[in-house]
Amino acid sequence: MPAAEDPCGVAVPGPARETVGGSSSGDWPWRVVVQCKRQSLTNRVGSAAIQRFAGTCREVHGGELCMIVTNGFFTAGDGVRLARQLGIVLVDRGLLETWAWTGTPPSSLLGR
């Protein structure tokens, strides 16, 4: 299903609520693919979700900067190791809070 663009230039998955990520077409000099995960504080983003995103962010969406952002946390383990190995940025509740309060993005984004 085709994605609709929101005012920020981010492709939003259609009504089927696909979870294959969205791609930005804003003013950045590279293609950014972000998947947002809204979680309760007791439900963490697990390895399976990270692995699914890893399989689509570059090959399907052409991402040069790929990241998963959650209002919760990630489980420790294989998914986090895979994300590091593939250069996928993981932004959790703690990083979002710091980013919001300081205006400074996570250090993993600054080198781009």
N, C-alpha and C. Protein backbone atom coordinates (compact mmCIF):
# COMPACT_ATOMS: atom_id res chain seq x y z
N MET A 1 0.84 -1.17 0.00
CA MET A 1 0.00 0.00 0.00
C MET A 1 0.89 1.24 0.00
N PRO A 2 0.60 2.22 -0.82
CA PRO A 2 1.44 3.42 -0.87
C PRO A 2 1.35 4.20 0.43
N ALA A 3 2.43 4.90 0.72
CA ALA A 3 2.48 5.72 1.93
C ALA A 3 2.09 7.15 1.60
N ALA A 4 1.47 7.81 2.56
CA ALA A 4 1.11 9.22 2.41
C ALA A 4 2.15 10.06 3.12
N GLU A 5 2.45 11.23 2.60
CA GLU A 5 3.45 12.09 3.24
C GLU A 5 2.79 13.02 4.25
N ASP A 6 3.39 13.15 5.42
CA ASP A 6 2.90 14.11 6.39
C ASP A 6 3.60 15.44 6.14
N PRO A 7 3.21 16.52 6.84
CA PRO A 7 3.80 17.85 6.57
C PRO A 7 5.31 17.92 6.79
N CYS A 8 5.87 16.99 7.56
CA CYS A 8 7.31 17.00 7.82
C CYS A 8 8.07 16.26 6.74
N GLY A 9 7.38 15.71 5.76
CA GLY A 9 8.05 14.99 4.69
C GLY A 9 8.35 13.55 5.02
N VAL A 10 7.72 13.01 6.05
CA VAL A 10 7.96 11.62 6.43
C VAL A 10 6.85 10.75 5.84
N ALA A 11 7.23 9.69 5.16
CA ALA A 11 6.24 8.78 4.60
C ALA A 11 5.61 8.00 5.73
N VAL A 12 4.29 8.05 5.81
CA VAL A 12 3.55 7.38 6.88
C VAL A 12 2.90 6.13 6.30
N PRO A 13 3.14 4.95 6.90
CA PRO A 13 2.51 3.74 6.38
C PRO A 13 1.00 3.88 6.32
N GLY A 14 0.39 3.22 5.33
CA GLY A 14 -1.04 3.30 5.10
C GLY A 14 -1.86 2.68 6.22
N PRO A 15 -3.17 2.60 5.99
CA PRO A 15 -4.11 2.15 7.01
C PRO A 15 -3.84 0.76 7.56
N ALA A 16 -3.13 -0.05 6.81
CA ALA A 16 -2.84 -1.39 7.29
C ALA A 16 -1.87 -1.37 8.47
N ARG A 17 -1.37 -0.21 8.81
CA ARG A 17 -0.41 -0.04 9.91
C ARG A 17 0.81 -0.93 9.72
N GLU A 18 1.34 -0.89 8.53
CA GLU A 18 2.55 -1.65 8.23
C GLU A 18 3.67 -1.20 9.17
N THR A 19 4.56 -2.09 9.49
CA THR A 19 5.65 -1.73 10.39
C THR A 19 6.99 -1.91 9.69
N VAL A 20 7.05 -1.49 8.44
CA VAL A 20 8.30 -1.63 7.70
C VAL A 20 9.08 -0.33 7.68
N GLY A 21 8.71 0.64 8.47
CA GLY A 21 9.46 1.89 8.55
C GLY A 21 8.89 2.97 7.66
N GLY A 22 9.37 4.17 7.85
CA GLY A 22 8.96 5.29 7.01
C GLY A 22 10.20 6.01 6.56
N SER A 23 10.13 6.67 5.43
CA SER A 23 11.33 7.33 4.92
C SER A 23 11.11 8.83 4.83
N SER A 24 12.12 9.57 5.17
CA SER A 24 12.05 11.02 5.15
C SER A 24 12.55 11.56 3.82
N SER A 25 11.87 12.58 3.33
CA SER A 25 12.34 13.24 2.11
C SER A 25 12.58 14.72 2.38
N GLY A 26 12.94 15.04 3.62
CA GLY A 26 13.17 16.42 4.01
C GLY A 26 14.46 16.98 3.44
N ASP A 27 15.03 17.94 4.13
CA ASP A 27 16.21 18.66 3.65
C ASP A 27 17.54 18.01 4.05
N TRP A 28 17.52 16.82 4.59
CA TRP A 28 18.77 16.18 4.99
C TRP A 28 19.51 15.72 3.74
N PRO A 29 20.84 15.69 3.79
CA PRO A 29 21.62 15.28 2.61
C PRO A 29 21.66 13.77 2.40
N TRP A 30 20.98 12.99 3.23
CA TRP A 30 20.93 11.55 3.06
C TRP A 30 19.51 11.08 3.34
N ARG A 31 19.20 9.86 2.91
CA ARG A 31 17.86 9.30 3.09
C ARG A 31 17.76 8.69 4.48
N VAL A 32 16.79 9.16 5.24
CA VAL A 32 16.59 8.74 6.62
C VAL A 32 15.35 7.84 6.70
N VAL A 33 15.50 6.69 7.33
CA VAL A 33 14.37 5.79 7.55
C VAL A 33 14.22 5.60 9.05
N VAL A 34 13.03 5.92 9.55
CA VAL A 34 12.76 5.86 10.98
C VAL A 34 11.55 4.99 11.23
N GLN A 35 11.65 4.13 12.20
CA GLN A 35 10.48 3.40 12.66
C GLN A 35 10.25 3.80 14.10
N CYS A 36 9.03 4.24 14.41
CA CYS A 36 8.67 4.64 15.77
C CYS A 36 7.86 3.54 16.43
N LYS A 37 8.20 3.24 17.66
CA LYS A 37 7.52 2.21 18.42
C LYS A 37 6.96 2.84 19.69
N ARG A 38 5.63 2.84 19.80
CA ARG A 38 4.98 3.33 21.01
C ARG A 38 4.75 2.14 21.93
N GLN A 39 5.39 2.17 23.08
CA GLN A 39 5.35 1.04 24.00
C GLN A 39 4.92 1.50 25.38
N SER A 40 4.37 0.58 26.17
CA SER A 40 4.16 0.86 27.59
C SER A 40 5.51 0.69 28.28
N LEU A 41 5.61 1.21 29.48
CA LEU A 41 6.89 1.11 30.19
C LEU A 41 7.28 -0.32 30.51
N THR A 42 6.32 -1.22 30.53
CA THR A 42 6.64 -2.62 30.85
C THR A 42 6.82 -3.48 29.60
N ASN A 43 6.60 -2.93 28.42
CA ASN A 43 6.73 -3.68 27.17
C ASN A 43 7.89 -3.09 26.38
N ARG A 44 8.97 -3.82 26.27
CA ARG A 44 10.17 -3.33 25.58
C ARG A 44 10.18 -3.74 24.12
N VAL A 45 10.90 -2.98 23.29
CA VAL A 45 11.08 -3.33 21.89
C VAL A 45 12.11 -4.45 21.83
N GLY A 46 11.72 -5.57 21.26
CA GLY A 46 12.55 -6.75 21.28
C GLY A 46 13.36 -6.99 20.02
N SER A 47 14.10 -8.05 20.08
CA SER A 47 14.99 -8.45 19.00
C SER A 47 14.24 -8.67 17.69
N ALA A 48 13.06 -9.27 17.73
CA ALA A 48 12.32 -9.56 16.50
C ALA A 48 11.96 -8.28 15.75
N ALA A 49 11.54 -7.24 16.49
CA ALA A 49 11.19 -5.97 15.85
C ALA A 49 12.43 -5.32 15.22
N ILE A 50 13.55 -5.40 15.90
CA ILE A 50 14.79 -4.83 15.38
C ILE A 50 15.24 -5.61 14.14
N GLN A 51 15.12 -6.92 14.18
CA GLN A 51 15.51 -7.74 13.04
C GLN A 51 14.62 -7.47 11.82
N ARG A 52 13.30 -7.32 12.02
CA ARG A 52 12.40 -7.00 10.90
C ARG A 52 12.79 -5.68 10.26
N PHE A 53 13.06 -4.67 11.09
CA PHE A 53 13.44 -3.36 10.58
C PHE A 53 14.77 -3.43 9.84
N ALA A 54 15.72 -4.20 10.40
CA ALA A 54 17.03 -4.35 9.76
C ALA A 54 16.89 -4.94 8.36
N GLY A 55 15.90 -5.79 8.18
CA GLY A 55 15.70 -6.42 6.89
C GLY A 55 15.08 -5.52 5.83
N THR A 56 14.54 -4.38 6.24
CA THR A 56 13.86 -3.51 5.27
C THR A 56 14.42 -2.11 5.17
N CYS A 57 15.08 -1.63 6.19
CA CYS A 57 15.46 -0.21 6.22
C CYS A 57 16.35 0.21 5.06
N ARG A 58 17.29 -0.60 4.71
CA ARG A 58 18.19 -0.24 3.60
C ARG A 58 17.74 -0.85 2.28
N GLU A 59 17.45 -2.14 2.28
CA GLU A 59 17.11 -2.84 1.03
C GLU A 59 15.79 -2.36 0.44
N VAL A 60 14.76 -2.21 1.24
CA VAL A 60 13.44 -1.83 0.74
C VAL A 60 13.30 -0.32 0.64
N HIS A 61 13.76 0.41 1.66
CA HIS A 61 13.55 1.85 1.74
C HIS A 61 14.75 2.68 1.30
N GLY A 62 15.89 2.07 1.06
CA GLY A 62 17.06 2.81 0.61
C GLY A 62 17.66 3.71 1.67
N GLY A 63 17.50 3.36 2.94
CA GLY A 63 17.98 4.19 4.03
C GLY A 63 19.49 4.27 4.12
N GLU A 64 19.97 5.48 4.32
CA GLU A 64 21.39 5.70 4.59
C GLU A 64 21.60 5.92 6.08
N LEU A 65 20.62 6.51 6.74
CA LEU A 65 20.59 6.65 8.20
C LEU A 65 19.31 5.97 8.65
N CYS A 66 19.44 4.87 9.37
CA CYS A 66 18.28 4.08 9.81
C CYS A 66 18.20 4.12 11.32
N MET A 67 16.99 4.35 11.85
CA MET A 67 16.85 4.38 13.30
C MET A 67 15.48 3.90 13.74
N ILE A 68 15.46 3.33 14.93
CA ILE A 68 14.21 2.98 15.60
C ILE A 68 14.13 3.86 16.83
N VAL A 69 12.99 4.52 16.99
CA VAL A 69 12.75 5.41 18.12
C VAL A 69 11.59 4.85 18.92
N THR A 70 11.76 4.76 20.23
CA THR A 70 10.67 4.28 21.09
C THR A 70 10.51 5.18 22.30
N ASN A 71 9.28 5.28 22.77
CA ASN A 71 9.03 6.00 24.02
C ASN A 71 9.29 5.09 25.21
N GLY A 72 9.67 3.87 24.94
CA GLY A 72 10.00 2.90 25.98
C GLY A 72 11.49 2.56 25.93
N PHE A 73 11.77 1.28 26.01
CA PHE A 73 13.16 0.83 26.04
C PHE A 73 13.33 -0.39 25.13
N PHE A 74 14.57 -0.75 24.86
CA PHE A 74 14.90 -1.92 24.06
C PHE A 74 15.33 -3.04 24.99
N THR A 75 15.04 -4.29 24.62
CA THR A 75 15.56 -5.40 25.39
C THR A 75 17.03 -5.57 25.05
N ALA A 76 17.80 -5.96 26.03
CA ALA A 76 19.22 -6.22 25.77
C ALA A 76 19.32 -7.54 25.01
N GLY A 77 20.34 -7.68 24.22
CA GLY A 77 20.53 -8.97 23.55
C GLY A 77 20.85 -8.86 22.09
N ASP A 78 20.46 -9.91 21.36
CA ASP A 78 20.83 -10.05 19.95
C ASP A 78 20.37 -8.89 19.08
N GLY A 79 19.17 -8.38 19.30
CA GLY A 79 18.65 -7.29 18.47
C GLY A 79 19.50 -6.03 18.59
N VAL A 80 19.87 -5.69 19.81
CA VAL A 80 20.70 -4.50 20.04
C VAL A 80 22.09 -4.70 19.42
N ARG A 81 22.64 -5.90 19.57
CA ARG A 81 23.94 -6.19 18.94
C ARG A 81 23.83 -6.10 17.41
N LEU A 82 22.76 -6.64 16.84
CA LEU A 82 22.56 -6.57 15.40
C LEU A 82 22.44 -5.12 14.94
N ALA A 83 21.68 -4.32 15.67
CA ALA A 83 21.53 -2.90 15.31
C ALA A 83 22.89 -2.21 15.29
N ARG A 84 23.71 -2.46 16.29
CA ARG A 84 25.06 -1.86 16.32
C ARG A 84 25.89 -2.32 15.13
N GLN A 85 25.84 -3.62 14.87
CA GLN A 85 26.62 -4.20 13.78
C GLN A 85 26.21 -3.60 12.43
N LEU A 86 24.92 -3.33 12.24
CA LEU A 86 24.42 -2.82 10.96
C LEU A 86 24.33 -1.29 10.92
N GLY A 87 24.73 -0.65 12.00
CA GLY A 87 24.70 0.81 12.02
C GLY A 87 23.30 1.39 12.13
N ILE A 88 22.39 0.66 12.78
CA ILE A 88 21.03 1.16 13.01
C ILE A 88 21.03 1.86 14.35
N VAL A 89 20.58 3.09 14.36
CA VAL A 89 20.55 3.90 15.57
C VAL A 89 19.31 3.54 16.39
N LEU A 90 19.50 3.28 17.68
CA LEU A 90 18.38 2.99 18.59
C LEU A 90 18.24 4.16 19.56
N VAL A 91 17.06 4.76 19.57
CA VAL A 91 16.79 5.90 20.46
C VAL A 91 15.66 5.47 21.39
N ASP A 92 15.99 5.39 22.70
CA ASP A 92 14.99 4.97 23.67
C ASP A 92 14.49 6.15 24.50
N ARG A 93 13.68 5.87 25.49
CA ARG A 93 13.06 6.90 26.32
C ARG A 93 14.09 7.83 26.97
N GLY A 94 15.19 7.25 27.45
CA GLY A 94 16.23 8.05 28.10
C GLY A 94 16.87 9.04 27.13
N LEU A 95 17.21 8.57 25.93
CA LEU A 95 17.80 9.47 24.93
C LEU A 95 16.80 10.52 24.47
N LEU A 96 15.52 10.12 24.32
CA LEU A 96 14.50 11.09 23.92
C LEU A 96 14.36 12.20 24.96
N GLU A 97 14.38 11.80 26.22
CA GLU A 97 14.25 12.78 27.30
C GLU A 97 15.44 13.76 27.30
N THR A 98 16.64 13.23 27.17
CA THR A 98 17.83 14.08 27.12
C THR A 98 17.78 15.01 25.92
N TRP A 99 17.40 14.46 24.78
CA TRP A 99 17.28 15.24 23.55
C TRP A 99 16.28 16.36 23.72
N ALA A 100 15.13 16.04 24.33
CA ALA A 100 14.07 17.04 24.53
C ALA A 100 14.52 18.17 25.47
N TRP A 101 15.22 17.82 26.54
CA TRP A 101 15.62 18.81 27.52
C TRP A 101 16.82 19.65 27.08
N THR A 102 17.74 19.04 26.34
CA THR A 102 18.97 19.76 25.98
C THR A 102 18.95 20.31 24.55
N GLY A 103 18.10 19.72 23.71
CA GLY A 103 18.09 20.11 22.30
C GLY A 103 19.24 19.50 21.52
N THR A 104 20.03 18.65 22.17
CA THR A 104 21.16 18.00 21.53
C THR A 104 20.76 16.59 21.14
N PRO A 105 20.88 16.25 19.86
CA PRO A 105 20.50 14.90 19.45
C PRO A 105 21.45 13.85 20.02
N PRO A 106 21.02 12.60 20.02
CA PRO A 106 21.89 11.53 20.51
C PRO A 106 23.24 11.56 19.81
N SER A 107 24.29 11.29 20.55
CA SER A 107 25.65 11.35 20.00
C SER A 107 25.82 10.46 18.78
N SER A 108 25.04 9.39 18.68
CA SER A 108 25.17 8.49 17.54
C SER A 108 24.75 9.16 16.23
N LEU A 109 24.05 10.29 16.30
CA LEU A 109 23.63 10.99 15.10
C LEU A 109 24.59 12.11 14.72
N LEU A 110 25.42 12.55 15.64
CA LEU A 110 26.22 13.75 15.42
C LEU A 110 27.32 13.58 14.38
N GLY A 111 27.79 12.36 14.18
CA GLY A 111 28.88 12.13 13.24
C GLY A 111 28.46 12.15 11.78
N ARG A 112 27.20 12.27 11.48
CA ARG A 112 26.69 12.20 10.11
C ARG A 112 26.82 13.50 9.39
